[in-house]
Structures are given as structure tokens and as C-alpha cells.
């Protein structure tokens, strides 16, 4: 990260480019395969170590958005890929630094109601033929493998999660079955809309069981939310460290601006938010690595993601205030990090859905939907 400093990430953002140089060195150094078990040549580490890496990238001014898909998708593969599939892809992933960066779940009409997806995998012998449309699928132009969520049974109002299946798609073998359209966004997200036309996969490409893939999907989404919480803790640390240093150095009316309570109090509150979100993140990570209760893991993953994102958003705006007009300048990096943080107030799960989840499933209040 000393080599890939704030100036590098600002340039990638300005040009809306994938950080290829950083990514090549990151993966080439072995960071891409840390979650792959040792028996296949990986480091055999866990979600906690992956989260620490993502947190540190963001704390030092980078944007771990470009690499986090590799980690939460590998967490999914460790849990739900068959032994045969692991033996087929894991050694190759380690040897050739292959990537599984993208999860294709979201659809234009379904949005946050994931069980309403309409992308359909029709069974034909030992194969499935998949047709559908996905939106806001990140890094799909850079990945070797795509985790694709589709229905293998039509939607049933009484059994909403039944009929969802997950597949691992080898993107290197495609010839026009997946069309991509770039979506320009507020920050540099490398996001795409996908049109899936008669894509063929085999039964061996299934992740988990046919029609019962929602359990595996939860495992992936919980890992994703926890890792994003770690990234947002990193962003909070970045904003706070920069703002505190500046408030000590910047002098107005003959004294440091950090001597003023109008500056001190927001920074102190940002620090308390950091401590709260860090503690919640640790609880979520501990539960993820020791429990098989996806319901409880999901609750803590949601809380960690909610609190960490709120903390980062607050700290980012405090930093903008502390820096004044300078914070608005692109070269500093503060405004870029604020834009990058804003995404996670609504994705991959919105604040209101997290609040509804706590109300319905923890407090046992009547369902609002």
C-alpha cells in the first residue's frame, strides 16, 4: 500500500479504471488464495484474516471493493462446492492466480427481494440452459469464474426460497452467451448489466443442492456483509486519522483548529462510533467462524454492516467539515472515499431491510411485508 498510495487510487477513480497493476501484484503475492484450503495449495486461512486485509487496504486510502469478491465467493465455495468441484478448480486457481470475483444475484425487477429473481435454469439431461438478466454485477469483466444464482423452479408464495439454485460458471469458455453493458456509477465500481442467453452449465457446476441453493446464498451474503463491515471500519479509521492529524496542524485565528470543541466533539464521536463498529464486527466474525446457525450469523452480519457503514459515513462527513474547502478537492482523496462509502448505505442490503430483519426476526414484531 506504500506503493499504491492515495494518488494511485485517485487516478483509477478519475479514469474509471480497474486497478490492474495493484490487483496483479496483490494476487501474485498470494493474497488471492488465502481462503483456499492447504490441501489444494492455498493458505487455509479464514474470514477473519480476509477481513483484516480488506480493512487495512481501506485504512491506507485504497479501495478494497475490487478484491473483496474473491474472498466472499471463496467462503461460499469452501462451504458449498462439491469435493469434485474443489479438486477441479482450487489447484488451478492457486497455480494460475485465477479469480472468482463476481456474484450474479441482483435483477432489475427483483432488487432486494432476492427470492423474486426470474433468471431460470432449465434442466436438459445432465445440463442446465440458463436465460435471464442481471444488474449491478461487479468485476464480471475481470473474473475467471462467476457465481450465478438462478431459479430451477418457479416462484411459490408459500415456499419463497425453494427452487433457487447456484452455479459456478467458467467465464473463460463463454462465446457470447453473456452480454455485458457497463453501468456508470457515483464511484469507480466496474459494474455491469448482464444479458444471459442460452448459457449451458452442467450438474457438476452446482453449488449446494438443486432447488436448495438459498442456504448457500445466505452463507455467501453473510460473509459479504461482514467483509464490507471490515472495509467500512477501515474507511472510518482513514477518515479519522486524516482529520485528527489535520486538526492538529491547521491553524486559524492563531491556534490549531483541533483546540476548538466544534472540531473536537465530532471527532470524539467518530472515534466512539469506530470503537462500537469494531466491536460489533469482531462479534460477527467470531460467530461466522464458530457457528452453523445462519440465522444468528445473519443477524450479527447485518448489525455489523449497518453500524460500520453508519460510522464510516459519519466520519467521512466529519473529515469533510474539518478539511473545509480542501476536503472537496479531488487530489486529497477524502471526497473519493466519501463517494465510495455512500454505496454501502444501500448495498448489498439497504439500511431499512436490516432494520426490518431485526424487527421481524429478533424482536418478533409483526411482519411489515
Foldseek 3Di string as FASTA:
>chain_A
DVVCAQQNQLVCWVVLHDSVVVVVVCLVVQVLQQCQCVVLPHVVDALVVNLLVLLQCLLRQHHCLQRVQSHLVSLLCVPFADPVVCNVPSNVCSVVVAGARKEFQADPVCQPVRLQAAFEWEDDPQKTWTWDKGWFIFPPVPHQKYWYKHFDDHADPVCSQFRIWIFIDGPVPDDPQKDWDADDDLTSGRTTMIGGHRDMDGNSRTGHDGRNCVLSVLSSVLSVLLSLLSNLLSLLSNLLVVLVVQQQVDDDPHHRVCVDVVLVVLSVVLVVLSVVLVVLSVVLVVCSVPHPPSLVNNLSSLVSSQSSLVSSLSSLVSSCVSCDPVCVDSSVSSVNSNSVSVVSCPPPHHPVVSVQSCVCPVVVDDHPD
